[in-house]
Amino acid sequence: MVRRVDQQLRVNRLALAALPSHADLAGGAVPRQLHRAMLHHLEGVCAVTSATLARGGTAAHLEQRDLFWREVRSENPWLYTRMRRSLLGATSNLPGQAGRRATNLAYHVARRVVGFS
């Protein structure tokens, strides 16, 4: 999975761009349930990407992870806060070496429970 992380980052960026804005939601252009479902999906995808980059362990992977979150923060501060404060976001972005170990452990547990590779 680490070999294809560039594709995963591209999908994340496309999903972020496709997420309807709050103006669309308030204006009734997008149903509230659809917006909520897209947010939950995006949280999961971004958490998996962060965990994958943390599992990579190299400085380049960690820099890619930090760059991705900086991009999210600059483009949509509300979404950044929402995703980073969620359970998935907090678990997949714990600081330091101990945080990366905890993220790896959570990834392994989720892999066993859910059954992904």
PDB file of N, CA and C in Angstrom:
ATOM      1  N   MET A   1       0.819  -1.189   0.000  1.00  0.00           N
ATOM      2  CA  MET A   1       0.000   0.000   0.000  1.00  0.00           C
ATOM      3  C   MET A   1       0.860   1.248   0.000  1.00  0.00           C
ATOM      4  N   VAL A   2       2.025   1.194   0.600  1.00  0.00           N
ATOM      5  CA  VAL A   2       2.888   2.361   0.660  1.00  0.00           C
ATOM      6  C   VAL A   2       3.400   2.701  -0.740  1.00  0.00           C
ATOM      7  N   ARG A   3       3.521   1.702  -1.591  1.00  0.00           N
ATOM      8  CA  ARG A   3       4.000   1.962  -2.950  1.00  0.00           C
ATOM      9  C   ARG A   3       3.019   2.806  -3.740  1.00  0.00           C
ATOM     10  N   ARG A   4       1.753   2.723  -3.439  1.00  0.00           N
ATOM     11  CA  ARG A   4       0.734   3.446  -4.202  1.00  0.00           C
ATOM     12  C   ARG A   4       0.159   4.626  -3.430  1.00  0.00           C
ATOM     13  N   VAL A   5       0.907   5.130  -2.502  1.00  0.00           N
ATOM     14  CA  VAL A   5       0.389   6.211  -1.668  1.00  0.00           C
ATOM     15  C   VAL A   5       0.201   7.492  -2.470  1.00  0.00           C
ATOM     16  N   ASP A   6       0.963   7.677  -3.543  1.00  0.00           N
ATOM     17  CA  ASP A   6       0.757   8.864  -4.382  1.00  0.00           C
ATOM     18  C   ASP A   6      -0.627   8.836  -5.020  1.00  0.00           C
ATOM     19  N   GLN A   7      -1.086   7.661  -5.422  1.00  0.00           N
ATOM     20  CA  GLN A   7      -2.441   7.532  -5.965  1.00  0.00           C
ATOM     21  C   GLN A   7      -3.482   7.801  -4.888  1.00  0.00           C
ATOM     22  N   GLN A   8      -3.219   7.324  -3.703  1.00  0.00           N
ATOM     23  CA  GLN A   8      -4.148   7.519  -2.599  1.00  0.00           C
ATOM     24  C   GLN A   8      -4.249   9.003  -2.238  1.00  0.00           C
ATOM     25  N   LEU A   9      -3.118   9.694  -2.244  1.00  0.00           N
ATOM     26  CA  LEU A   9      -3.136  11.135  -1.977  1.00  0.00           C
ATOM     27  C   LEU A   9      -3.899  11.885  -3.062  1.00  0.00           C
ATOM     28  N   ARG A  10      -3.755  11.442  -4.283  1.00  0.00           N
ATOM     29  CA  ARG A  10      -4.485  12.091  -5.385  1.00  0.00           C
ATOM     30  C   ARG A  10      -5.997  11.893  -5.214  1.00  0.00           C
ATOM     31  N   VAL A  11      -6.410  10.700  -4.853  1.00  0.00           N
ATOM     32  CA  VAL A  11      -7.827  10.428  -4.616  1.00  0.00           C
ATOM     33  C   VAL A  11      -8.343  11.280  -3.460  1.00  0.00           C
ATOM     34  N   ASN A  12      -7.545  11.414  -2.407  1.00  0.00           N
ATOM     35  CA  ASN A  12      -7.944  12.259  -1.278  1.00  0.00           C
ATOM     36  C   ASN A  12      -8.157  13.696  -1.724  1.00  0.00           C
ATOM     37  N   ARG A  13      -7.238  14.209  -2.518  1.00  0.00           N
ATOM     38  CA  ARG A  13      -7.354  15.596  -2.976  1.00  0.00           C
ATOM     39  C   ARG A  13      -8.579  15.779  -3.873  1.00  0.00           C
ATOM     40  N   LEU A  14      -8.863  14.809  -4.722  1.00  0.00           N
ATOM     41  CA  LEU A  14     -10.050  14.890  -5.570  1.00  0.00           C
ATOM     42  C   LEU A  14     -11.328  14.818  -4.739  1.00  0.00           C
ATOM     43  N   ALA A  15     -11.338  13.986  -3.714  1.00  0.00           N
ATOM     44  CA  ALA A  15     -12.507  13.887  -2.844  1.00  0.00           C
ATOM     45  C   ALA A  15     -12.708  15.178  -2.059  1.00  0.00           C
ATOM     46  N   LEU A  16     -11.626  15.790  -1.628  1.00  0.00           N
ATOM     47  CA  LEU A  16     -11.734  17.074  -0.933  1.00  0.00           C
ATOM     48  C   LEU A  16     -12.322  18.141  -1.845  1.00  0.00           C
ATOM     49  N   ALA A  17     -11.901  18.137  -3.101  1.00  0.00           N
ATOM     50  CA  ALA A  17     -12.420  19.113  -4.057  1.00  0.00           C
ATOM     51  C   ALA A  17     -13.894  18.861  -4.374  1.00  0.00           C
ATOM     52  N   ALA A  18     -14.326  17.612  -4.315  1.00  0.00           N
ATOM     53  CA  ALA A  18     -15.709  17.270  -4.652  1.00  0.00           C
ATOM     54  C   ALA A  18     -16.674  17.487  -3.491  1.00  0.00           C
ATOM     55  N   LEU A  19     -16.163  17.670  -2.283  1.00  0.00           N
ATOM     56  CA  LEU A  19     -17.024  17.859  -1.120  1.00  0.00           C
ATOM     57  C   LEU A  19     -17.790  19.174  -1.251  1.00  0.00           C
ATOM     58  N   PRO A  20     -19.109  19.136  -1.143  1.00  0.00           N
ATOM     59  CA  PRO A  20     -19.896  20.368  -1.253  1.00  0.00           C
ATOM     60  C   PRO A  20     -19.571  21.338  -0.118  1.00  0.00           C
ATOM     61  N   SER A  21     -19.655  22.618  -0.426  1.00  0.00           N
ATOM     62  CA  SER A  21     -19.352  23.640   0.572  1.00  0.00           C
ATOM     63  C   SER A  21     -20.530  23.821   1.517  1.00  0.00           C
ATOM     64  N   HIS A  22     -20.293  24.588   2.571  1.00  0.00           N
ATOM     65  CA  HIS A  22     -21.371  24.887   3.517  1.00  0.00           C
ATOM     66  C   HIS A  22     -22.448  25.736   2.856  1.00  0.00           C
ATOM     67  N   ALA A  23     -22.062  26.570   1.891  1.00  0.00           N
ATOM     68  CA  ALA A  23     -23.049  27.394   1.185  1.00  0.00           C
ATOM     69  C   ALA A  23     -24.009  26.504   0.393  1.00  0.00           C
ATOM     70  N   ASP A  24     -23.479  25.459  -0.246  1.00  0.00           N
ATOM     71  CA  ASP A  24     -24.328  24.515  -0.979  1.00  0.00           C
ATOM     72  C   ASP A  24     -25.267  23.787  -0.019  1.00  0.00           C
ATOM     73  N   LEU A  25     -24.745  23.453   1.139  1.00  0.00           N
ATOM     74  CA  LEU A  25     -25.549  22.752   2.139  1.00  0.00           C
ATOM     75  C   LEU A  25     -26.649  23.662   2.683  1.00  0.00           C
ATOM     76  N   ALA A  26     -26.290  24.895   3.001  1.00  0.00           N
ATOM     77  CA  ALA A  26     -27.270  25.846   3.547  1.00  0.00           C
ATOM     78  C   ALA A  26     -28.298  26.251   2.499  1.00  0.00           C
ATOM     79  N   GLY A  27     -27.870  26.316   1.241  1.00  0.00           N
ATOM     80  CA  GLY A  27     -28.773  26.713   0.166  1.00  0.00           C
ATOM     81  C   GLY A  27     -29.710  25.607  -0.276  1.00  0.00           C
ATOM     82  N   GLY A  28     -29.513  24.419   0.219  1.00  0.00           N
ATOM     83  CA  GLY A  28     -30.381  23.303  -0.139  1.00  0.00           C
ATOM     84  C   GLY A  28     -29.982  22.609  -1.427  1.00  0.00           C
ATOM     85  N   ALA A  29     -28.827  22.960  -1.987  1.00  0.00           N
ATOM     86  CA  ALA A  29     -28.377  22.329  -3.225  1.00  0.00           C
ATOM     87  C   ALA A  29     -27.935  20.885  -2.997  1.00  0.00           C
ATOM     88  N   VAL A  30     -27.531  20.587  -1.772  1.00  0.00           N
ATOM     89  CA  VAL A  30     -27.055  19.249  -1.434  1.00  0.00           C
ATOM     90  C   VAL A  30     -27.829  18.769  -0.205  1.00  0.00           C
ATOM     91  N   PRO A  31     -28.383  17.564  -0.252  1.00  0.00           N
ATOM     92  CA  PRO A  31     -29.068  17.039   0.937  1.00  0.00           C
ATOM     93  C   PRO A  31     -28.096  16.856   2.105  1.00  0.00           C
ATOM     94  N   ARG A  32     -28.581  17.140   3.288  1.00  0.00           N
ATOM     95  CA  ARG A  32     -27.750  17.067   4.494  1.00  0.00           C
ATOM     96  C   ARG A  32     -27.191  15.657   4.702  1.00  0.00           C
ATOM     97  N   GLN A  33     -27.984  14.636   4.410  1.00  0.00           N
ATOM     98  CA  GLN A  33     -27.524  13.255   4.594  1.00  0.00           C
ATOM     99  C   GLN A  33     -26.373  12.925   3.647  1.00  0.00           C
ATOM    100  N   LEU A  34     -26.435  13.433   2.418  1.00  0.00           N
ATOM    101  CA  LEU A  34     -25.359  13.194   1.455  1.00  0.00           C
ATOM    102  C   LEU A  34     -24.075  13.862   1.933  1.00  0.00           C
ATOM    103  N   HIS A  35     -24.196  15.085   2.416  1.00  0.00           N
ATOM    104  CA  HIS A  35     -23.023  15.800   2.919  1.00  0.00           C
ATOM    105  C   HIS A  35     -22.405  15.052   4.101  1.00  0.00           C
ATOM    106  N   ARG A  36     -23.237  14.585   5.013  1.00  0.00           N
ATOM    107  CA  ARG A  36     -22.752  13.840   6.169  1.00  0.00           C
ATOM    108  C   ARG A  36     -22.065  12.541   5.737  1.00  0.00           C
ATOM    109  N   ALA A  37     -22.651  11.835   4.787  1.00  0.00           N
ATOM    110  CA  ALA A  37     -22.050  10.588   4.305  1.00  0.00           C
ATOM    111  C   ALA A  37     -20.705  10.850   3.633  1.00  0.00           C
ATOM    112  N   MET A  38     -20.628  11.929   2.861  1.00  0.00           N
ATOM    113  CA  MET A  38     -19.362  12.262   2.209  1.00  0.00           C
ATOM    114  C   MET A  38     -18.296  12.622   3.246  1.00  0.00           C
ATOM    115  N   LEU A  39     -18.692  13.326   4.297  1.00  0.00           N
ATOM    116  CA  LEU A  39     -17.740  13.671   5.361  1.00  0.00           C
ATOM    117  C   LEU A  39     -17.203  12.418   6.043  1.00  0.00           C
ATOM    118  N   HIS A  40     -18.080  11.487   6.373  1.00  0.00           N
ATOM    119  CA  HIS A  40     -17.645  10.257   7.036  1.00  0.00           C
ATOM    120  C   HIS A  40     -16.719   9.448   6.132  1.00  0.00           C
ATOM    121  N   HIS A  41     -17.050   9.376   4.872  1.00  0.00           N
ATOM    122  CA  HIS A  41     -16.192   8.650   3.928  1.00  0.00           C
ATOM    123  C   HIS A  41     -14.822   9.325   3.831  1.00  0.00           C
ATOM    124  N   LEU A  42     -14.828  10.639   3.724  1.00  0.00           N
ATOM    125  CA  LEU A  42     -13.581  11.384   3.610  1.00  0.00           C
ATOM    126  C   LEU A  42     -12.726  11.241   4.864  1.00  0.00           C
ATOM    127  N   GLU A  43     -13.347  11.239   6.030  1.00  0.00           N
ATOM    128  CA  GLU A  43     -12.608  11.023   7.276  1.00  0.00           C
ATOM    129  C   GLU A  43     -11.899   9.675   7.251  1.00  0.00           C
ATOM    130  N   GLY A  44     -12.613   8.653   6.830  1.00  0.00           N
ATOM    131  CA  GLY A  44     -12.021   7.317   6.779  1.00  0.00           C
ATOM    132  C   GLY A  44     -10.883   7.215   5.787  1.00  0.00           C
ATOM    133  N   VAL A  45     -11.077   7.770   4.612  1.00  0.00           N
ATOM    134  CA  VAL A  45     -10.046   7.707   3.576  1.00  0.00           C
ATOM    135  C   VAL A  45      -8.801   8.474   4.016  1.00  0.00           C
ATOM    136  N   CYS A  46      -8.992   9.643   4.594  1.00  0.00           N
ATOM    137  CA  CYS A  46      -7.847  10.443   5.041  1.00  0.00           C
ATOM    138  C   CYS A  46      -7.135   9.774   6.221  1.00  0.00           C
ATOM    139  N   ALA A  47      -7.873   9.131   7.090  1.00  0.00           N
ATOM    140  CA  ALA A  47      -7.256   8.419   8.209  1.00  0.00           C
ATOM    141  C   ALA A  47      -6.417   7.248   7.711  1.00  0.00           C
ATOM    142  N   VAL A  48      -6.929   6.520   6.738  1.00  0.00           N
ATOM    143  CA  VAL A  48      -6.166   5.400   6.176  1.00  0.00           C
ATOM    144  C   VAL A  48      -4.909   5.910   5.488  1.00  0.00           C
ATOM    145  N   THR A  49      -5.013   7.015   4.771  1.00  0.00           N
ATOM    146  CA  THR A  49      -3.839   7.587   4.113  1.00  0.00           C
ATOM    147  C   THR A  49      -2.804   8.014   5.137  1.00  0.00           C
ATOM    148  N   SER A  50      -3.231   8.685   6.205  1.00  0.00           N
ATOM    149  CA  SER A  50      -2.289   9.103   7.252  1.00  0.00           C
ATOM    150  C   SER A  50      -1.629   7.900   7.911  1.00  0.00           C
ATOM    151  N   ALA A  51      -2.410   6.878   8.193  1.00  0.00           N
ATOM    152  CA  ALA A  51      -1.859   5.673   8.812  1.00  0.00           C
ATOM    153  C   ALA A  51      -0.884   4.978   7.872  1.00  0.00           C
ATOM    154  N   THR A  52      -1.204   4.940   6.599  1.00  0.00           N
ATOM    155  CA  THR A  52      -0.315   4.316   5.618  1.00  0.00           C
ATOM    156  C   THR A  52       1.001   5.064   5.529  1.00  0.00           C
ATOM    157  N   LEU A  53       0.928   6.391   5.502  1.00  0.00           N
ATOM    158  CA  LEU A  53       2.157   7.181   5.449  1.00  0.00           C
ATOM    159  C   LEU A  53       2.956   7.051   6.742  1.00  0.00           C
ATOM    160  N   ALA A  54       2.281   6.949   7.875  1.00  0.00           N
ATOM    161  CA  ALA A  54       2.985   6.737   9.142  1.00  0.00           C
ATOM    162  C   ALA A  54       3.655   5.372   9.150  1.00  0.00           C
ATOM    163  N   ARG A  55       3.005   4.380   8.566  1.00  0.00           N
ATOM    164  CA  ARG A  55       3.584   3.037   8.512  1.00  0.00           C
ATOM    165  C   ARG A  55       4.793   2.986   7.601  1.00  0.00           C
ATOM    166  N   GLY A  56       4.835   3.902   6.603  1.00  0.00           N
ATOM    167  CA  GLY A  56       5.990   3.957   5.711  1.00  0.00           C
ATOM    168  C   GLY A  56       7.269   4.233   6.485  1.00  0.00           C
ATOM    169  N   GLY A  57       7.174   5.128   7.458  1.00  0.00           N
ATOM    170  CA  GLY A  57       8.267   5.345   8.390  1.00  0.00           C
ATOM    171  C   GLY A  57       9.411   6.209   7.912  1.00  0.00           C
ATOM    172  N   THR A  58       9.516   6.485   6.622  1.00  0.00           N
ATOM    173  CA  THR A  58      10.628   7.301   6.148  1.00  0.00           C
ATOM    174  C   THR A  58      10.304   8.780   6.324  1.00  0.00           C
ATOM    175  N   ALA A  59      11.327   9.576   6.275  1.00  0.00           N
ATOM    176  CA  ALA A  59      11.137  11.026   6.403  1.00  0.00           C
ATOM    177  C   ALA A  59      10.305  11.560   5.241  1.00  0.00           C
ATOM    178  N   ALA A  60      10.465  10.987   4.059  1.00  0.00           N
ATOM    179  CA  ALA A  60       9.697  11.432   2.892  1.00  0.00           C
ATOM    180  C   ALA A  60       8.204  11.157   3.088  1.00  0.00           C
ATOM    181  N   HIS A  61       7.874   9.996   3.635  1.00  0.00           N
ATOM    182  CA  HIS A  61       6.470   9.669   3.881  1.00  0.00           C
ATOM    183  C   HIS A  61       5.858  10.595   4.925  1.00  0.00           C
ATOM    184  N   LEU A  62       6.603  10.871   5.977  1.00  0.00           N
ATOM    185  CA  LEU A  62       6.086  11.761   7.017  1.00  0.00           C
ATOM    186  C   LEU A  62       5.925  13.181   6.485  1.00  0.00           C
ATOM    187  N   GLU A  63       6.833  13.606   5.608  1.00  0.00           N
ATOM    188  CA  GLU A  63       6.710  14.935   5.001  1.00  0.00           C
ATOM    189  C   GLU A  63       5.485  14.994   4.083  1.00  0.00           C
ATOM    190  N   GLN A  64       5.219  13.916   3.342  1.00  0.00           N
ATOM    191  CA  GLN A  64       4.017  13.872   2.505  1.00  0.00           C
ATOM    192  C   GLN A  64       2.760  13.966   3.352  1.00  0.00           C
ATOM    193  N   ARG A  65       2.748  13.287   4.488  1.00  0.00           N
ATOM    194  CA  ARG A  65       1.593  13.338   5.383  1.00  0.00           C
ATOM    195  C   ARG A  65       1.395  14.750   5.922  1.00  0.00           C
ATOM    196  N   ASP A  66       2.475  15.390   6.359  1.00  0.00           N
ATOM    197  CA  ASP A  66       2.366  16.756   6.871  1.00  0.00           C
ATOM    198  C   ASP A  66       1.933  17.727   5.782  1.00  0.00           C
ATOM    199  N   LEU A  67       2.462  17.545   4.570  1.00  0.00           N
ATOM    200  CA  LEU A  67       2.087  18.406   3.453  1.00  0.00           C
ATOM    201  C   LEU A  67       0.603  18.253   3.122  1.00  0.00           C
ATOM    202  N   PHE A  68       0.110  17.025   3.130  1.00  0.00           N
ATOM    203  CA  PHE A  68      -1.308  16.792   2.847  1.00  0.00           C
ATOM    204  C   PHE A  68      -2.183  17.514   3.855  1.00  0.00           C
ATOM    205  N   TRP A  69      -1.864  17.390   5.145  1.00  0.00           N
ATOM    206  CA  TRP A  69      -2.692  18.033   6.166  1.00  0.00           C
ATOM    207  C   TRP A  69      -2.563  19.552   6.126  1.00  0.00           C
ATOM    208  N   ARG A  70      -1.386  20.062   5.747  1.00  0.00           N
ATOM    209  CA  ARG A  70      -1.256  21.514   5.573  1.00  0.00           C
ATOM    210  C   ARG A  70      -2.135  22.008   4.433  1.00  0.00           C
ATOM    211  N   GLU A  71      -2.207  21.225   3.347  1.00  0.00           N
ATOM    212  CA  GLU A  71      -3.072  21.592   2.223  1.00  0.00           C
ATOM    213  C   GLU A  71      -4.545  21.609   2.642  1.00  0.00           C
ATOM    214  N   VAL A  72      -4.965  20.599   3.374  1.00  0.00           N
ATOM    215  CA  VAL A  72      -6.348  20.541   3.844  1.00  0.00           C
ATOM    216  C   VAL A  72      -6.639  21.741   4.738  1.00  0.00           C
ATOM    217  N   ARG A  73      -5.708  22.046   5.621  1.00  0.00           N
ATOM    218  CA  ARG A  73      -5.909  23.172   6.543  1.00  0.00           C
ATOM    219  C   ARG A  73      -6.015  24.500   5.810  1.00  0.00           C
ATOM    220  N   SER A  74      -5.199  24.695   4.782  1.00  0.00           N
ATOM    221  CA  SER A  74      -5.240  25.971   4.057  1.00  0.00           C
ATOM    222  C   SER A  74      -6.481  26.086   3.166  1.00  0.00           C
ATOM    223  N   GLU A  75      -6.942  24.972   2.600  1.00  0.00           N
ATOM    224  CA  GLU A  75      -8.097  25.009   1.706  1.00  0.00           C
ATOM    225  C   GLU A  75      -9.427  25.076   2.447  1.00  0.00           C
ATOM    226  N   ASN A  76      -9.533  24.347   3.572  1.00  0.00           N
ATOM    227  CA  ASN A  76     -10.798  24.287   4.287  1.00  0.00           C
ATOM    228  C   ASN A  76     -10.533  24.106   5.782  1.00  0.00           C
ATOM    229  N   PRO A  77     -10.337  25.210   6.514  1.00  0.00           N
ATOM    230  CA  PRO A  77     -10.013  25.095   7.940  1.00  0.00           C
ATOM    231  C   PRO A  77     -11.082  24.362   8.751  1.00  0.00           C
ATOM    232  N   TRP A  78     -12.359  24.562   8.422  1.00  0.00           N
ATOM    233  CA  TRP A  78     -13.412  23.875   9.160  1.00  0.00           C
ATOM    234  C   TRP A  78     -13.298  22.365   8.979  1.00  0.00           C
ATOM    235  N   LEU A  79     -13.083  21.913   7.765  1.00  0.00           N
ATOM    236  CA  LEU A  79     -12.964  20.484   7.485  1.00  0.00           C
ATOM    237  C   LEU A  79     -11.727  19.897   8.168  1.00  0.00           C
ATOM    238  N   TYR A  80     -10.634  20.637   8.131  1.00  0.00           N
ATOM    239  CA  TYR A  80      -9.406  20.191   8.796  1.00  0.00           C
ATOM    240  C   TYR A  80      -9.675  19.940  10.284  1.00  0.00           C
ATOM    241  N   THR A  81     -10.303  20.896  10.937  1.00  0.00           N
ATOM    242  CA  THR A  81     -10.599  20.758  12.361  1.00  0.00           C
ATOM    243  C   THR A  81     -11.537  19.593  12.599  1.00  0.00           C
ATOM    244  N   ARG A  82     -12.541  19.453  11.768  1.00  0.00           N
ATOM    245  CA  ARG A  82     -13.522  18.364  11.914  1.00  0.00           C
ATOM    246  C   ARG A  82     -12.863  17.002  11.780  1.00  0.00           C
ATOM    247  N   MET A  83     -11.989  16.864  10.786  1.00  0.00           N
ATOM    248  CA  MET A  83     -11.357  15.563  10.560  1.00  0.00           C
ATOM    249  C   MET A  83     -10.279  15.260  11.592  1.00  0.00           C
ATOM    250  N   ARG A  84      -9.523  16.246  11.999  1.00  0.00           N
ATOM    251  CA  ARG A  84      -8.445  15.999  12.953  1.00  0.00           C
ATOM    252  C   ARG A  84      -8.967  15.743  14.361  1.00  0.00           C
ATOM    253  N   ARG A  85     -10.167  16.259  14.677  1.00  0.00           N
ATOM    254  CA  ARG A  85     -10.730  16.042  16.008  1.00  0.00           C
ATOM    255  C   ARG A  85     -11.628  14.817  16.088  1.00  0.00           C
ATOM    256  N   SER A  86     -11.861  14.170  14.970  1.00  0.00           N
ATOM    257  CA  SER A  86     -12.652  12.939  15.005  1.00  0.00           C
ATOM    258  C   SER A  86     -11.794  11.816  15.592  1.00  0.00           C
ATOM    259  N   LEU A  87     -12.432  10.738  15.979  1.00  0.00           N
ATOM    260  CA  LEU A  87     -11.704   9.609  16.549  1.00  0.00           C
ATOM    261  C   LEU A  87     -10.695   9.044  15.551  1.00  0.00           C
ATOM    262  N   LEU A  88     -11.110   8.869  14.316  1.00  0.00           N
ATOM    263  CA  LEU A  88     -10.200   8.350  13.295  1.00  0.00           C
ATOM    264  C   LEU A  88      -9.043   9.304  13.043  1.00  0.00           C
ATOM    265  N   GLY A  89      -9.355  10.593  12.920  1.00  0.00           N
ATOM    266  CA  GLY A  89      -8.315  11.580  12.646  1.00  0.00           C
ATOM    267  C   GLY A  89      -7.316  11.706  13.773  1.00  0.00           C
ATOM    268  N   ALA A  90      -7.812  11.687  15.000  1.00  0.00           N
ATOM    269  CA  ALA A  90      -6.917  11.795  16.150  1.00  0.00           C
ATOM    270  C   ALA A  90      -6.043  10.558  16.286  1.00  0.00           C
ATOM    271  N   THR A  91      -6.617   9.388  16.035  1.00  0.00           N
ATOM    272  CA  THR A  91      -5.861   8.144  16.166  1.00  0.00           C
ATOM    273  C   THR A  91      -4.796   8.005  15.090  1.00  0.00           C
ATOM    274  N   SER A  92      -5.090   8.473  13.885  1.00  0.00           N
ATOM    275  CA  SER A  92      -4.143   8.294  12.788  1.00  0.00           C
ATOM    276  C   SER A  92      -3.104   9.400  12.707  1.00  0.00           C
ATOM    277  N   ASN A  93      -3.179  10.396  13.575  1.00  0.00           N
ATOM    278  CA  ASN A  93      -2.231  11.507  13.524  1.00  0.00           C
ATOM    279  C   ASN A  93      -1.623  11.822  14.880  1.00  0.00           C
ATOM    280  N   LEU A  94      -1.359  10.805  15.660  1.00  0.00           N
ATOM    281  CA  LEU A  94      -0.741  11.026  16.964  1.00  0.00           C
ATOM    282  C   LEU A  94       0.710  11.469  16.775  1.00  0.00           C
ATOM    283  N   PRO A  95       1.177  12.426  17.577  1.00  0.00           N
ATOM    284  CA  PRO A  95       2.521  12.971  17.367  1.00  0.00           C
ATOM    285  C   PRO A  95       3.622  12.056  17.899  1.00  0.00           C
ATOM    286  N   GLY A  96       4.789  12.172  17.291  1.00  0.00           N
ATOM    287  CA  GLY A  96       5.990  11.496  17.771  1.00  0.00           C
ATOM    288  C   GLY A  96       6.081  10.030  17.390  1.00  0.00           C
ATOM    289  N   GLN A  97       7.200   9.445  17.790  1.00  0.00           N
ATOM    290  CA  GLN A  97       7.457   8.038  17.493  1.00  0.00           C
ATOM    291  C   GLN A  97       6.446   7.138  18.199  1.00  0.00           C
ATOM    292  N   ALA A  98       6.120   7.452  19.443  1.00  0.00           N
ATOM    293  CA  ALA A  98       5.127   6.654  20.168  1.00  0.00           C
ATOM    294  C   ALA A  98       3.764   6.751  19.489  1.00  0.00           C
ATOM    295  N   GLY A  99       3.437   7.912  18.961  1.00  0.00           N
ATOM    296  CA  GLY A  99       2.182   8.086  18.239  1.00  0.00           C
ATOM    297  C   GLY A  99       2.134   7.253  16.974  1.00  0.00           C
ATOM    298  N   ARG A 100       3.262   7.177  16.268  1.00  0.00           N
ATOM    299  CA  ARG A 100       3.304   6.354  15.059  1.00  0.00           C
ATOM    300  C   ARG A 100       3.171   4.877  15.410  1.00  0.00           C
ATOM    301  N   ARG A 101       3.750   4.472  16.533  1.00  0.00           N
ATOM    302  CA  ARG A 101       3.592   3.078  16.973  1.00  0.00           C
ATOM    303  C   ARG A 101       2.135   2.782  17.322  1.00  0.00           C
ATOM    304  N   ALA A 102       1.494   3.723  18.003  1.00  0.00           N
ATOM    305  CA  ALA A 102       0.082   3.544  18.355  1.00  0.00           C
ATOM    306  C   ALA A 102      -0.777   3.511  17.090  1.00  0.00           C
ATOM    307  N   THR A 103      -0.453   4.347  16.103  1.00  0.00           N
ATOM    308  CA  THR A 103      -1.177   4.342  14.835  1.00  0.00           C
ATOM    309  C   THR A 103      -1.000   3.009  14.133  1.00  0.00           C
ATOM    310  N   ASN A 104       0.220   2.481  14.135  1.00  0.00           N
ATOM    311  CA  ASN A 104       0.466   1.174  13.515  1.00  0.00           C
ATOM    312  C   ASN A 104      -0.323   0.075  14.217  1.00  0.00           C
ATOM    313  N   LEU A 105      -0.365   0.132  15.540  1.00  0.00           N
ATOM    314  CA  LEU A 105      -1.127  -0.864  16.299  1.00  0.00           C
ATOM    315  C   LEU A 105      -2.616  -0.759  15.961  1.00  0.00           C
ATOM    316  N   ALA A 106      -3.147   0.458  15.921  1.00  0.00           N
ATOM    317  CA  ALA A 106      -4.560   0.647  15.573  1.00  0.00           C
ATOM    318  C   ALA A 106      -4.830   0.162  14.147  1.00  0.00           C
ATOM    319  N   TYR A 107      -3.889   0.386  13.238  1.00  0.00           N
ATOM    320  CA  TYR A 107      -4.032  -0.079  11.852  1.00  0.00           C
ATOM    321  C   TYR A 107      -4.100  -1.609  11.812  1.00  0.00           C
ATOM    322  N   HIS A 108      -3.222  -2.267  12.563  1.00  0.00           N
ATOM    323  CA  HIS A 108      -3.223  -3.735  12.575  1.00  0.00           C
ATOM    324  C   HIS A 108      -4.513  -4.287  13.166  1.00  0.00           C
ATOM    325  N   VAL A 109      -4.995  -3.681  14.227  1.00  0.00           N
ATOM    326  CA  VAL A 109      -6.252  -4.125  14.838  1.00  0.00           C
ATOM    327  C   VAL A 109      -7.402  -3.933  13.856  1.00  0.00           C
ATOM    328  N   ALA A 110      -7.462  -2.757  13.212  1.00  0.00           N
ATOM    329  CA  ALA A 110      -8.531  -2.497  12.244  1.00  0.00           C
ATOM    330  C   ALA A 110      -8.443  -3.455  11.067  1.00  0.00           C
ATOM    331  N   ARG A 111      -7.228  -3.770  10.649  1.00  0.00           N
ATOM    332  CA  ARG A 111      -7.057  -4.710   9.537  1.00  0.00           C
ATOM    333  C   ARG A 111      -7.598  -6.087   9.893  1.00  0.00           C
ATOM    334  N   ARG A 112      -7.382  -6.518  11.116  1.00  0.00           N
ATOM    335  CA  ARG A 112      -7.891  -7.827  11.551  1.00  0.00           C
ATOM    336  C   ARG A 112      -9.407  -7.815  11.693  1.00  0.00           C
ATOM    337  N   VAL A 113      -9.949  -6.721  12.217  1.00  0.00           N
ATOM    338  CA  VAL A 113     -11.403  -6.648  12.450  1.00  0.00           C
ATOM    339  C   VAL A 113     -12.153  -6.462  11.137  1.00  0.00           C
ATOM    340  N   VAL A 114     -11.716  -5.517  10.324  1.00  0.00           N
ATOM    341  CA  VAL A 114     -12.416  -5.195   9.098  1.00  0.00           C
ATOM    342  C   VAL A 114     -12.049  -6.127   7.961  1.00  0.00           C
ATOM    343  N   GLY A 115     -10.776  -6.521   7.910  1.00  0.00           N
ATOM    344  CA  GLY A 115     -10.349  -7.482   6.891  1.00  0.00           C
ATOM    345  C   GLY A 115      -9.777  -6.877   5.631  1.00  0.00           C
ATOM    346  N   PHE A 116      -9.246  -5.658   5.689  1.00  0.00           N
ATOM    347  CA  PHE A 116      -8.591  -5.108   4.509  1.00  0.00           C
ATOM    348  C   PHE A 116      -7.110  -5.443   4.552  1.00  0.00           C
ATOM    349  N   SER A 117      -6.411  -5.153   3.460  1.00  0.00           N
ATOM    350  CA  SER A 117      -4.992  -5.540   3.402  1.00  0.00           C
ATOM    351  C   SER A 117      -4.071  -4.458   3.869  1.00  0.00           C
TER     352      SER A 117
END
